[in-house]
Amino acid sequence: MRCLALLGLVVLTACGSTTAFSEPATYAAGSVTVLESPEHGPQLCDVVAQSLPPQCTGPDVVGWDWGKVEHESAGGTKWGHYKVTGTWDGSRLTLTEAPGKATEIKAEERRFDSPCPAPVGGWRPVDPAKATQAALEKTQQRLQNEEAVGGVWLDQSYLKSIPGYDDSKREWSEKYANNPTRLVLNVKFTGDLAGREAWVRESWGGALCVSQARRGEESLRQVQEGLGEDLGQAFVSSSVDVVKEQVVVGVWVADEDVQERLDDKYGAGVVRLDGVLEPVG
């Protein structure tokens, strides 16, 4: 599928120091990779290099026994996907229950709806001659050079109205998902919005929603890049969500004290911690 989504999404991976937890608490993950290689013992993994054998690093798992679980192996490396439960001391997971079969985790659906109310008669081009793929790409280039842009994305919710539409099938995506005359281009700007819609309309004639951004995309990326010291613990990934104007940080455990510290520094909701391990009970 040729991707039309103009998303300000940057994913980083990094590692850092660990936070000291005063008392181990019990956490669980419904589906996580455990991998042991000649370089290290059993470790939890969230991001795995798709080589053979696969590679990854993460927190140690204490009490792991490969003889009691089904797993794959190659080149001295063992791995598998499991449900795990144990106590977390800030740097490692000590099993309190036998590992189980990984459960299917339904990914959180990212919504790219337009914040603007639909016009009378529904979303449609105002100038069909400029509601083309070429016009969309030209507009994207112009927006990339505009400092006040807070986020750009495409609302393709029209796909939901197509009977039987299945985005997992390439032929459906190729037939319906790349239609510039049906999608809605969303652009957020910081500051005064006066004249912004007319400026976008110079190159784009399709459906358009211009809305207010509280924070610019570039400022969110700067927050993202400087988070290592603020977290005080290893993080798995981070991304900028331009729709929610938020930096989402994947960590092993979303510590409440760290979240409060981030809220105090950057403002409530600017940075959201997303834990791989969830508290039990």
Protein backbone atom coordinates (compact mmCIF):
# COMPACT_ATOMS: atom_id res chain seq x y z
CA MET A 1 0.00 0.00 0.00
CA ARG A 2 1.33 3.37 -0.97
CA CYS A 3 1.20 5.35 2.24
CA LEU A 4 -0.48 8.77 2.10
CA ALA A 5 -0.40 9.47 5.83
CA LEU A 6 1.74 12.56 6.41
CA LEU A 7 2.53 11.78 10.01
CA GLY A 8 5.14 13.47 12.15
CA LEU A 9 6.23 10.20 13.68
CA VAL A 10 9.80 9.51 14.71
CA VAL A 11 10.72 6.38 16.64
CA LEU A 12 13.88 6.18 18.73
CA THR A 13 15.38 3.44 20.83
CA ALA A 14 17.78 4.03 23.66
CA CYS A 15 18.89 2.85 27.02
CA GLY A 16 19.88 4.60 30.21
CA SER A 17 20.25 4.19 33.91
CA THR A 18 17.63 2.53 36.06
CA THR A 19 15.36 3.90 38.73
CA ALA A 20 15.70 2.47 42.23
CA PHE A 21 12.44 0.97 43.47
CA SER A 22 12.12 0.71 47.26
CA GLU A 23 10.01 -2.43 47.25
CA PRO A 24 9.49 -4.96 44.45
CA ALA A 25 5.98 -4.92 43.00
CA THR A 26 4.30 -7.57 40.84
CA TYR A 27 3.90 -6.93 37.13
CA ALA A 28 2.84 -8.94 34.10
CA ALA A 29 3.00 -8.81 30.32
CA GLY A 30 0.57 -10.79 28.19
CA SER A 31 2.91 -11.09 25.22
CA VAL A 32 6.63 -10.46 25.40
CA THR A 33 9.74 -12.02 23.88
CA VAL A 34 12.26 -13.76 26.14
CA LEU A 35 15.65 -14.36 24.53
CA GLU A 36 18.95 -15.83 25.69
CA SER A 37 22.10 -15.62 23.59
CA PRO A 38 25.76 -16.59 24.09
CA GLU A 39 26.31 -12.97 25.20
CA HIS A 40 23.63 -12.82 27.91
CA GLY A 41 21.16 -14.88 29.90
CA PRO A 42 17.35 -14.79 29.56
CA GLN A 43 16.13 -11.24 28.98
CA LEU A 44 12.86 -9.53 28.18
CA CYS A 45 12.71 -7.96 24.73
CA ASP A 46 10.27 -5.52 23.22
CA VAL A 47 12.14 -4.64 20.03
CA VAL A 48 13.75 -7.64 18.31
CA ALA A 49 16.12 -7.56 15.34
CA GLN A 50 14.70 -9.91 12.72
CA SER A 51 17.91 -11.81 12.02
CA LEU A 52 18.60 -15.50 12.45
CA PRO A 53 19.10 -15.94 15.25
CA PRO A 54 17.17 -12.84 16.37
CA GLN A 55 18.90 -10.30 18.59
CA CYS A 56 17.76 -8.06 21.41
CA THR A 57 18.61 -6.88 24.87
CA GLY A 58 16.52 -5.91 27.86
CA PRO A 59 16.01 -6.58 31.57
CA ASP A 60 17.17 -9.91 32.95
CA VAL A 61 14.57 -12.54 33.83
CA VAL A 62 15.33 -14.37 37.08
CA GLY A 63 14.08 -17.96 37.50
CA TRP A 64 13.76 -18.77 33.80
CA ASP A 65 13.98 -22.43 32.75
CA TRP A 66 14.04 -23.20 29.03
CA GLY A 67 13.41 -26.84 29.83
CA LYS A 68 9.86 -25.98 30.95
CA VAL A 69 8.74 -23.87 27.98
CA GLU A 70 8.43 -24.37 24.25
CA HIS A 71 10.96 -22.29 22.35
CA GLU A 72 13.00 -21.90 19.21
CA SER A 73 16.78 -22.05 18.99
CA ALA A 74 19.54 -21.30 16.50
CA GLY A 75 23.25 -20.53 16.78
CA GLY A 76 23.29 -20.89 20.54
CA THR A 77 20.34 -18.50 20.97
CA LYS A 78 16.98 -19.49 22.47
CA TRP A 79 13.81 -17.44 22.27
CA GLY A 80 10.03 -17.47 22.39
CA HIS A 81 6.93 -15.39 23.11
CA TYR A 82 5.27 -15.72 26.49
CA LYS A 83 3.00 -14.35 29.14
CA VAL A 84 5.15 -13.52 32.18
CA THR A 85 4.42 -12.48 35.76
CA GLY A 86 6.92 -11.49 38.41
CA THR A 87 8.27 -8.90 40.79
CA TRP A 88 10.08 -5.89 39.36
CA ASP A 89 12.93 -4.27 41.29
CA GLY A 90 13.69 -1.55 38.77
CA SER A 91 16.14 -3.50 36.64
CA ARG A 92 15.00 -7.13 36.40
CA LEU A 93 11.92 -9.35 36.57
CA THR A 94 11.88 -12.24 39.05
CA LEU A 95 9.24 -14.78 38.05
CA THR A 96 6.51 -15.53 40.58
CA GLU A 97 4.46 -17.71 38.22
CA ALA A 98 5.34 -20.19 35.50
CA PRO A 99 5.45 -18.56 32.06
CA GLY A 100 2.35 -19.12 29.96
CA LYS A 101 1.40 -19.01 26.33
CA ALA A 102 1.45 -15.49 24.94
CA THR A 103 -1.98 -13.92 24.65
CA GLU A 104 -3.06 -11.98 21.60
CA ILE A 105 -2.68 -8.28 22.35
CA LYS A 106 -4.94 -6.01 20.37
CA ALA A 107 -2.97 -2.94 19.43
CA GLU A 108 -4.46 0.38 20.41
CA GLU A 109 -6.23 1.79 17.39
CA ARG A 110 -4.73 5.09 16.38
CA ARG A 111 -7.42 7.50 15.29
CA PHE A 112 -6.78 10.09 12.61
CA ASP A 113 -10.21 11.70 12.55
CA SER A 114 -10.56 15.36 11.63
CA PRO A 115 -11.27 17.73 14.54
CA CYS A 116 -13.27 20.02 12.22
CA PRO A 117 -17.02 19.45 11.85
CA ALA A 118 -17.97 17.98 8.48
CA PRO A 119 -19.29 20.64 6.09
CA VAL A 120 -22.87 20.58 4.85
CA GLY A 121 -23.08 17.83 2.27
CA GLY A 122 -19.99 16.06 3.61
CA TRP A 123 -16.30 16.26 2.86
CA ARG A 124 -15.53 16.88 -0.80
CA PRO A 125 -12.99 18.75 -2.95
CA VAL A 126 -13.50 22.47 -3.53
CA ASP A 127 -11.20 22.40 -6.56
CA PRO A 128 -11.03 18.89 -8.12
CA ALA A 129 -8.15 19.97 -10.39
CA LYS A 130 -5.97 20.33 -7.30
CA ALA A 131 -7.27 17.25 -5.47
CA THR A 132 -4.60 15.00 -6.93
CA GLN A 133 -1.63 13.00 -5.68
CA ALA A 134 0.75 15.55 -7.22
CA ALA A 135 -1.05 18.40 -5.45
CA LEU A 136 -0.95 16.49 -2.17
CA GLU A 137 2.80 15.93 -2.44
CA LYS A 138 3.41 19.57 -3.36
CA THR A 139 1.38 20.69 -0.34
CA GLN A 140 3.32 18.34 1.89
CA GLN A 141 6.60 19.89 0.75
CA ARG A 142 5.31 23.38 1.48
CA LEU A 143 4.13 22.35 4.95
CA GLN A 144 7.50 20.79 5.78
CA ASN A 145 9.13 24.18 5.37
CA GLU A 146 6.60 26.05 7.53
CA GLU A 147 7.74 26.50 11.16
CA ALA A 148 4.22 27.10 12.52
CA VAL A 149 2.97 23.65 11.47
CA GLY A 150 1.98 21.63 14.52
CA GLY A 151 1.04 18.42 12.71
CA VAL A 152 -0.15 17.01 9.39
CA TRP A 153 -2.17 13.85 8.82
CA LEU A 154 -4.78 12.31 6.54
CA ASP A 155 -8.27 11.35 7.64
CA GLN A 156 -9.25 8.31 5.57
CA SER A 157 -12.34 7.44 7.57
CA TYR A 158 -14.31 7.27 4.31
CA LEU A 159 -12.88 3.75 4.00
CA LYS A 160 -15.17 2.61 6.82
CA SER A 161 -18.22 3.30 4.65
CA ILE A 162 -17.07 0.98 1.86
CA PRO A 163 -18.96 -2.35 2.23
CA GLY A 164 -16.61 -5.16 3.13
CA TYR A 165 -13.47 -3.00 3.12
CA ASP A 166 -10.51 -4.95 4.50
CA ASP A 167 -7.30 -2.98 5.04
CA SER A 168 -5.33 -6.20 5.45
CA LYS A 169 -5.84 -6.99 1.78
CA ARG A 170 -3.45 -5.17 -0.52
CA GLU A 171 -5.87 -5.14 -3.43
CA TRP A 172 -8.46 -3.29 -1.34
CA SER A 173 -5.91 -0.72 -0.21
CA GLU A 174 -4.63 -0.13 -3.73
CA LYS A 175 -8.15 0.31 -5.04
CA TYR A 176 -9.60 2.58 -2.37
CA ALA A 177 -7.03 3.98 0.08
CA ASN A 178 -5.10 6.21 -2.32
CA ASN A 179 -7.94 8.43 -3.46
CA PRO A 180 -7.07 12.11 -2.89
CA THR A 181 -10.60 13.16 -3.77
CA ARG A 182 -12.03 11.28 -0.77
CA LEU A 183 -9.54 11.89 2.05
CA VAL A 184 -9.35 14.92 4.34
CA LEU A 185 -6.02 16.70 4.71
CA ASN A 186 -5.56 17.84 8.33
CA VAL A 187 -3.13 20.60 9.22
CA LYS A 188 -2.52 22.08 12.66
CA PHE A 189 -0.86 25.49 13.04
CA THR A 190 0.44 27.26 16.10
CA GLY A 191 -0.38 30.95 16.56
CA ASP A 192 -2.95 32.91 14.59
CA LEU A 193 -4.94 30.84 12.10
CA ALA A 194 -5.97 33.84 10.01
CA GLY A 195 -5.04 33.25 6.39
CA ARG A 196 -3.78 29.72 6.99
CA GLU A 197 -6.54 27.93 5.10
CA ALA A 198 -6.14 30.23 2.11
CA TRP A 199 -2.39 29.58 2.16
CA VAL A 200 -2.90 25.78 2.04
CA ARG A 201 -5.52 26.22 -0.67
CA GLU A 202 -2.90 27.71 -2.97
CA SER A 203 -1.75 24.14 -3.69
CA TRP A 204 -4.47 21.86 -2.31
CA GLY A 205 -8.05 21.67 -3.57
CA GLY A 206 -9.25 18.56 -1.74
CA ALA A 207 -11.10 18.35 1.57
CA LEU A 208 -9.22 20.31 4.23
CA CYS A 209 -9.36 20.81 8.00
CA VAL A 210 -7.19 23.55 9.51
CA SER A 211 -7.09 23.56 13.31
CA GLN A 212 -5.23 25.09 16.24
CA ALA A 213 -2.09 23.48 17.65
CA ARG A 214 -1.07 24.14 21.25
CA ARG A 215 2.43 22.85 20.59
CA GLY A 216 4.47 22.70 17.42
CA GLU A 217 5.75 19.40 16.08
CA GLU A 218 9.33 20.62 16.29
CA SER A 219 8.96 21.45 19.99
CA LEU A 220 7.62 17.94 20.63
CA ARG A 221 10.60 16.43 18.84
CA GLN A 222 12.93 18.48 21.00
CA VAL A 223 11.20 17.09 24.09
CA GLN A 224 11.53 13.59 22.64
CA GLU A 225 15.25 13.95 21.99
CA GLY A 226 15.98 15.24 25.50
CA LEU A 227 14.05 12.67 27.51
CA GLY A 228 16.92 10.34 28.41
CA GLU A 229 18.03 12.22 31.52
CA ASP A 230 14.48 13.08 32.57
CA LEU A 231 13.35 9.45 32.67
CA GLY A 232 16.10 8.10 34.89
CA GLN A 233 15.42 4.60 33.54
CA ALA A 234 15.85 2.63 30.34
CA PHE A 235 13.25 3.26 27.68
CA VAL A 236 12.20 1.01 24.84
CA SER A 237 10.97 3.52 22.27
CA SER A 238 9.54 6.97 21.84
CA SER A 239 7.35 8.58 19.21
CA VAL A 240 5.66 11.88 18.49
CA ASP A 241 1.88 11.74 18.12
CA VAL A 242 0.95 14.89 16.19
CA VAL A 243 -2.79 14.24 16.53
CA LYS A 244 -2.70 14.21 20.35
CA GLU A 245 0.31 16.59 20.45
CA GLN A 246 2.09 14.17 22.72
CA VAL A 247 5.37 12.31 23.09
CA VAL A 248 4.69 8.64 23.86
CA VAL A 249 7.53 6.81 25.60
CA GLY A 250 7.63 3.03 25.85
CA VAL A 251 9.22 1.92 29.13
CA TRP A 252 9.32 -1.38 30.96
CA VAL A 253 7.35 0.02 33.89
CA ALA A 254 5.43 3.32 33.83
CA ASP A 255 6.47 4.70 37.20
CA GLU A 256 3.98 7.21 38.66
CA ASP A 257 6.68 9.36 40.24
CA VAL A 258 8.48 9.68 36.91
CA GLN A 259 5.21 10.57 35.17
CA GLU A 260 4.53 13.29 37.73
CA ARG A 261 8.02 14.69 37.26
CA LEU A 262 7.53 14.80 33.48
CA ASP A 263 4.15 16.50 33.91
CA ASP A 264 5.71 19.12 36.16
CA LYS A 265 8.50 19.85 33.69
CA TYR A 266 6.68 19.73 30.35
CA GLY A 267 3.02 20.13 31.27
CA ALA A 268 0.33 17.55 31.95
CA GLY A 269 -0.09 15.13 29.07
CA VAL A 270 2.83 16.32 26.96
CA VAL A 271 4.77 13.13 27.70
CA ARG A 272 2.95 9.84 28.29
CA LEU A 273 4.69 6.77 29.67
CA ASP A 274 3.48 3.47 28.21
CA GLY A 275 4.60 0.43 30.24
CA VAL A 276 5.34 -2.95 28.66
CA LEU A 277 4.81 -4.53 32.10
CA GLU A 278 1.48 -3.74 33.74
CA PRO A 279 0.89 -3.81 37.51
CA VAL A 280 -0.97 -6.85 38.84
CA GLY A 281 -3.88 -6.32 41.22
